[in-house]
Protein backbone atom coordinates (compact mmCIF):
# COMPACT_ATOMS: atom_id res chain seq x y z
CA UNK A 1 37.19 42.83 17.22
CA UNK A 2 39.83 42.31 19.91
CA UNK A 3 39.01 45.75 21.26
CA UNK A 4 35.36 44.71 21.56
CA UNK A 5 36.35 41.50 23.35
CA UNK A 6 38.51 43.44 25.79
CA UNK A 7 35.79 46.02 26.38
CA UNK A 8 33.24 43.24 26.89
CA UNK A 9 35.56 41.52 29.37
CA UNK A 10 35.91 44.70 31.43
CA UNK A 11 32.16 45.32 31.32
CA UNK A 12 31.48 41.76 32.46
CA UNK A 13 33.96 42.24 35.32
CA UNK A 14 32.02 45.37 36.33
CA UNK A 15 28.75 43.40 36.57
CA UNK A 16 29.36 41.24 39.67
CA UNK A 17 25.73 41.48 40.80
CA UNK A 18 24.39 40.20 37.47
CA UNK A 19 26.99 37.40 37.34
CA UNK A 20 26.15 36.33 40.91
CA UNK A 21 22.42 36.47 40.07
CA UNK A 22 23.01 34.17 37.08
CA UNK A 23 25.12 31.84 39.21
CA UNK A 24 22.55 31.69 42.03
CA UNK A 25 19.67 31.14 39.61
CA UNK A 26 21.39 28.26 37.81
CA UNK A 27 22.62 26.74 41.07
CA UNK A 28 19.15 26.77 42.64
CA UNK A 29 17.58 25.48 39.44
CA UNK A 30 20.09 22.64 39.32
CA UNK A 31 19.35 21.73 42.94
CA UNK A 32 15.61 21.72 42.28
CA UNK A 33 16.00 19.46 39.23
CA UNK A 34 18.39 17.18 41.11
CA UNK A 35 15.97 16.83 44.02
CA UNK A 36 13.03 16.17 41.69
CA UNK A 37 14.87 13.54 39.62
CA UNK A 38 16.36 11.92 42.71
CA UNK A 39 12.93 11.55 44.32
CA UNK A 40 11.83 9.57 41.25
CA UNK A 41 14.95 7.60 40.35
CA UNK A 42 16.08 6.43 43.82
CA UNK A 43 12.82 4.57 44.66
CA UNK A 44 13.00 2.88 41.24
CA UNK A 45 16.59 1.79 41.84
CA UNK A 46 15.56 0.27 45.18
CA UNK A 47 12.95 -1.82 43.36
CA UNK A 48 15.31 -2.90 40.58
CA UNK A 49 16.11 -6.65 40.85
CA UNK A 50 19.48 -7.47 42.39
CA UNK A 51 22.18 -9.26 40.31
CA UNK A 52 21.48 -12.49 42.20
CA UNK A 53 18.01 -12.76 40.69
CA UNK A 54 17.31 -14.32 37.30
CA UNK A 55 16.99 -12.56 33.97
CA UNK A 56 13.25 -13.16 34.07
CA UNK A 57 13.00 -10.96 37.18
CA UNK A 58 14.57 -8.05 35.29
CA UNK A 59 12.22 -8.56 32.34
CA UNK A 60 9.27 -8.65 34.75
CA UNK A 61 10.44 -5.37 36.28
CA UNK A 62 10.46 -3.64 32.86
CA UNK A 63 7.12 -5.17 31.85
CA UNK A 64 5.56 -3.96 35.08
CA UNK A 65 6.95 -0.48 34.50
CA UNK A 66 5.65 -0.41 30.93
CA UNK A 67 2.21 -1.51 32.13
CA UNK A 68 2.04 1.17 34.83
CA UNK A 69 3.10 3.90 32.41
CA UNK A 70 0.76 2.93 29.56
CA UNK A 71 -2.24 1.50 31.43
CA UNK A 72 -2.41 3.62 34.61
CA UNK A 73 -2.17 7.30 35.52
CA UNK A 74 1.03 6.80 37.52
CA UNK A 75 3.04 9.12 35.31
CA UNK A 76 0.45 11.93 35.22
CA UNK A 77 1.57 13.71 38.45
CA UNK A 78 5.18 13.65 37.24
CA UNK A 79 4.13 15.17 33.91
CA UNK A 80 2.27 17.95 35.72
CA UNK A 81 5.34 18.64 37.85
CA UNK A 82 7.55 18.73 34.75
CA UNK A 83 5.13 21.12 33.05
CA UNK A 84 5.02 23.36 36.14
CA UNK A 85 8.83 23.51 36.32
CA UNK A 86 9.01 24.28 32.60
CA UNK A 87 6.51 27.14 32.93
CA UNK A 88 8.35 28.54 35.96
CA UNK A 89 11.62 28.54 34.02
CA UNK A 90 9.95 30.13 31.00
CA UNK A 91 8.81 32.99 33.25
CA UNK A 92 11.98 33.43 35.30
CA UNK A 93 14.51 33.29 32.43
CA UNK A 94 13.25 36.40 30.55
CA UNK A 95 12.84 38.29 33.83
CA UNK A 96 16.45 37.58 34.68
CA UNK A 97 17.50 38.68 31.19
CA UNK A 98 15.53 41.91 31.62
CA UNK A 99 17.50 42.73 34.78
CA UNK A 100 20.83 41.93 33.10
CA UNK A 101 20.24 43.91 29.90
CA UNK A 102 18.87 46.89 31.79
CA UNK A 103 21.94 46.80 34.06
CA UNK A 104 24.22 47.01 31.02
CA UNK A 105 22.44 50.12 29.76
CA UNK A 106 22.19 51.96 33.08
CA UNK A 107 25.54 51.52 34.78
CA UNK A 108 25.10 54.87 36.54
CA UNK A 109 22.52 53.33 38.88
CA UNK A 110 23.13 51.08 41.88
CA UNK A 111 23.74 47.46 40.81
CA UNK A 112 20.91 45.85 42.76
CA UNK A 113 18.48 48.70 42.09
CA UNK A 114 18.99 48.74 38.33
CA UNK A 115 18.65 44.96 38.18
CA UNK A 116 15.28 44.98 39.95
CA UNK A 117 14.16 48.06 38.01
CA UNK A 118 14.98 46.27 34.77
CA UNK A 119 12.78 43.33 35.77
CA UNK A 120 9.89 45.65 36.61
CA UNK A 121 10.23 47.81 33.51
CA UNK A 122 11.17 45.26 30.85
CA UNK A 123 9.80 42.00 32.25
CA UNK A 124 6.71 41.76 30.04
CA UNK A 125 8.40 42.81 26.75
CA UNK A 126 11.23 40.37 27.39
CA UNK A 127 8.72 37.63 28.16
CA UNK A 128 7.01 38.28 24.83
CA UNK A 129 10.33 38.10 22.96
CA UNK A 130 11.24 34.92 24.81
CA UNK A 131 7.99 33.21 23.79
CA UNK A 132 8.49 34.29 20.17
CA UNK A 133 12.06 32.95 20.28
CA UNK A 134 10.81 29.60 21.57
CA UNK A 135 8.28 29.39 18.72
CA UNK A 136 10.95 30.15 16.11
CA UNK A 137 13.32 27.67 17.75
CA UNK A 138 10.83 24.82 17.84
CA UNK A 139 9.25 25.41 14.41
CA UNK A 140 12.06 23.83 12.31
CA UNK A 141 11.96 20.66 14.43
CA UNK A 142 9.05 19.44 12.32
CA UNK A 143 11.25 19.52 9.20
CA UNK A 144 14.10 17.94 11.15
CA UNK A 145 11.75 15.19 12.33
CA UNK A 146 10.71 14.42 8.75
CA UNK A 147 14.40 14.11 7.81
CA UNK A 148 14.93 11.67 10.68
CA UNK A 149 12.02 9.52 9.48
CA UNK A 150 13.26 9.75 5.89
CA UNK A 151 16.76 8.69 6.96
CA UNK A 152 15.38 5.82 9.01
CA UNK A 153 13.48 4.42 6.04
CA UNK A 154 16.22 4.98 3.44
CA UNK A 155 19.35 3.87 5.36
CA UNK A 156 20.12 0.55 6.97
CA UNK A 157 22.61 1.53 9.71
CA UNK A 158 22.77 4.17 12.42
CA UNK A 159 26.03 5.47 10.95
CA UNK A 160 24.39 6.06 7.57
CA UNK A 161 21.44 7.79 9.26
CA UNK A 162 23.88 9.99 11.19
CA UNK A 163 25.71 11.05 8.03
CA UNK A 164 22.35 11.74 6.38
CA UNK A 165 21.27 14.00 9.25
CA UNK A 166 24.61 15.74 9.82
CA UNK A 167 24.12 18.57 7.25
CA UNK A 168 20.60 19.23 8.53
CA UNK A 169 21.81 19.30 12.14
CA UNK A 170 24.54 21.76 11.11
CA UNK A 171 21.97 24.00 9.42
CA UNK A 172 19.75 23.85 12.50
CA UNK A 173 22.62 24.75 14.84
CA UNK A 174 23.55 27.71 12.61
CA UNK A 175 19.87 28.73 12.63
CA UNK A 176 19.79 28.58 16.45
CA UNK A 177 22.89 30.78 16.70
CA UNK A 178 21.33 33.29 14.29
CA UNK A 179 18.03 33.35 16.20
CA UNK A 180 19.78 33.74 19.55
CA UNK A 181 21.93 36.59 18.24
CA UNK A 182 18.96 38.32 16.61
CA UNK A 183 16.95 38.28 19.82
CA UNK A 184 19.98 39.41 21.83
CA UNK A 185 20.14 42.56 19.71
CA UNK A 186 16.39 43.04 19.94
CA UNK A 187 16.78 42.94 23.72
CA UNK A 188 19.58 45.51 23.49
CA UNK A 189 17.15 47.70 21.60
CA UNK A 190 14.40 47.29 24.19
CA UNK A 191 16.77 48.05 27.07
CA UNK A 192 18.05 51.22 25.36
CA UNK A 193 14.69 52.40 24.04
CA UNK A 194 15.52 51.75 20.38
CA UNK A 195 13.18 50.14 17.86
CA UNK A 196 13.39 46.57 16.63
CA UNK A 197 14.19 47.81 13.11
CA UNK A 198 17.31 49.58 14.36
CA UNK A 199 18.45 46.38 16.06
CA UNK A 200 17.92 44.32 12.92
CA UNK A 201 19.65 46.89 10.72
CA UNK A 202 22.68 46.96 13.02
CA UNK A 203 22.78 43.17 13.01
CA UNK A 204 22.74 43.01 9.20
CA UNK A 205 25.45 45.66 8.83
CA UNK A 206 27.81 44.01 11.32
CA UNK A 207 26.89 40.35 10.88
CA UNK A 208 30.47 39.18 10.25
CA UNK A 209 31.89 40.89 13.37
CA UNK A 210 28.95 39.72 15.44
CA UNK A 211 29.43 36.10 14.37
CA UNK A 212 33.18 36.28 15.01
CA UNK A 213 32.57 37.62 18.52
CA UNK A 214 30.08 34.82 19.18
CA UNK A 215 32.44 32.14 17.83
CA UNK A 216 35.41 33.38 19.91
CA UNK A 217 33.49 33.61 23.20
CA UNK A 218 31.75 30.27 22.60
CA UNK A 219 35.07 28.61 21.75
CA UNK A 220 36.69 29.90 24.94
CA UNK A 221 33.71 28.73 27.01
CA UNK A 222 33.79 25.30 25.35
CA UNK A 223 37.54 24.98 25.93
CA UNK A 224 37.19 25.85 29.60
CA UNK A 225 34.34 23.33 29.95
CA UNK A 226 36.45 20.59 28.36
CA UNK A 227 39.40 21.39 30.65
CA UNK A 228 37.23 21.29 33.77
CA UNK A 229 35.56 18.01 32.80
CA UNK A 230 38.93 16.43 32.02
CA UNK A 231 40.43 17.68 35.29
CA UNK A 232 37.43 16.39 37.25
CA UNK A 233 37.90 12.93 35.74
CA UNK A 234 41.62 12.93 36.56
CA UNK A 235 41.37 14.47 40.05
CA UNK A 236 38.33 12.59 41.31
CA UNK A 237 37.48 13.56 44.87
CA UNK A 238 37.09 16.75 46.89
CA UNK A 239 39.40 18.75 44.59
CA UNK A 240 37.23 17.88 41.60
CA UNK A 241 34.10 18.92 43.50
CA UNK A 242 35.61 22.31 44.37
CA UNK A 243 36.80 22.77 40.78
CA UNK A 244 33.38 22.02 39.30
CA UNK A 245 31.61 24.40 41.68
CA UNK A 246 34.14 27.15 40.95
CA UNK A 247 33.67 26.53 37.24
CA UNK A 248 29.95 27.20 37.55
CA UNK A 249 30.75 30.77 38.55
CA UNK A 250 33.35 31.06 35.77
CA UNK A 251 30.85 29.72 33.25
CA UNK A 252 28.33 32.39 34.25
CA UNK A 253 31.06 35.01 33.86
CA UNK A 254 31.80 33.71 30.34
CA UNK A 255 28.10 33.87 29.55
CA UNK A 256 28.04 37.47 30.73
CA UNK A 257 31.18 38.16 28.65
CA UNK A 258 29.36 36.88 25.56
CA UNK A 259 26.57 39.39 26.18
CA UNK A 260 28.82 42.33 27.10
CA UNK A 261 31.05 41.81 24.04
CA UNK A 262 28.03 42.09 21.78
CA UNK A 263 26.80 45.04 23.83
CA UNK A 264 30.15 46.78 23.29
CA UNK A 265 29.55 46.48 19.54
CA UNK A 266 26.03 47.79 20.04
CA UNK A 267 27.34 50.84 21.90
CA UNK A 268 30.09 51.43 19.33
CA UNK A 269 27.40 51.84 16.66
CA UNK A 270 25.27 54.22 18.73
CA UNK A 271 27.86 56.68 19.99
């Protein structure tokens, strides 16, 4: 397993174009969301009653907001914008993945060329897999919702409800990891011209190693995230801002390392 991690680390290091593409995509997406949320939240904060006003003024503010949301179409344009952004992300994310996975399979080509070629060649199949993954991800939420309602009616405190839901949340998280890993290997198969059955068979045969690779890379990413957040809280100021921005690039590299480590296992079983 350590050999696979090392091989994945070297492969991720040799994919600077894909890492920078991931970084740029997430940075631009974050700026777009920040601008959209700021355009909504800042005007509301300007209208929020000042501390000098009475408690009744604050209650009136919330009542007015509730009335405008429930009795007028004020929120409709914002919902359309949210839906548009969601659809854009649902289209761009699989296209980006197509470029990355194709780049891993065709390292003999120029970095930028193979990335764009991957989008053109695998964009539609990856979009189909992405939509199927979303359906399989969302489907168990109905069962999880029924467990929430059941816990709400059968337990008196939030702590008791939390303990009631904890096993189900753990099962759902494990399910999400399994689904994500399954579709990762299906994408490996598409990028290399192999069938879905070959991808699933490889996943079943090497499930323990695959899960260990995922746990190690996720643990390292989580540890780095915790260290950066803690450092940003301690070193508030310009240094924290520089650290957080640098971490964004490191986080994308760790994400690429997660993919390339699994891809190293994929290659080891097809040589």
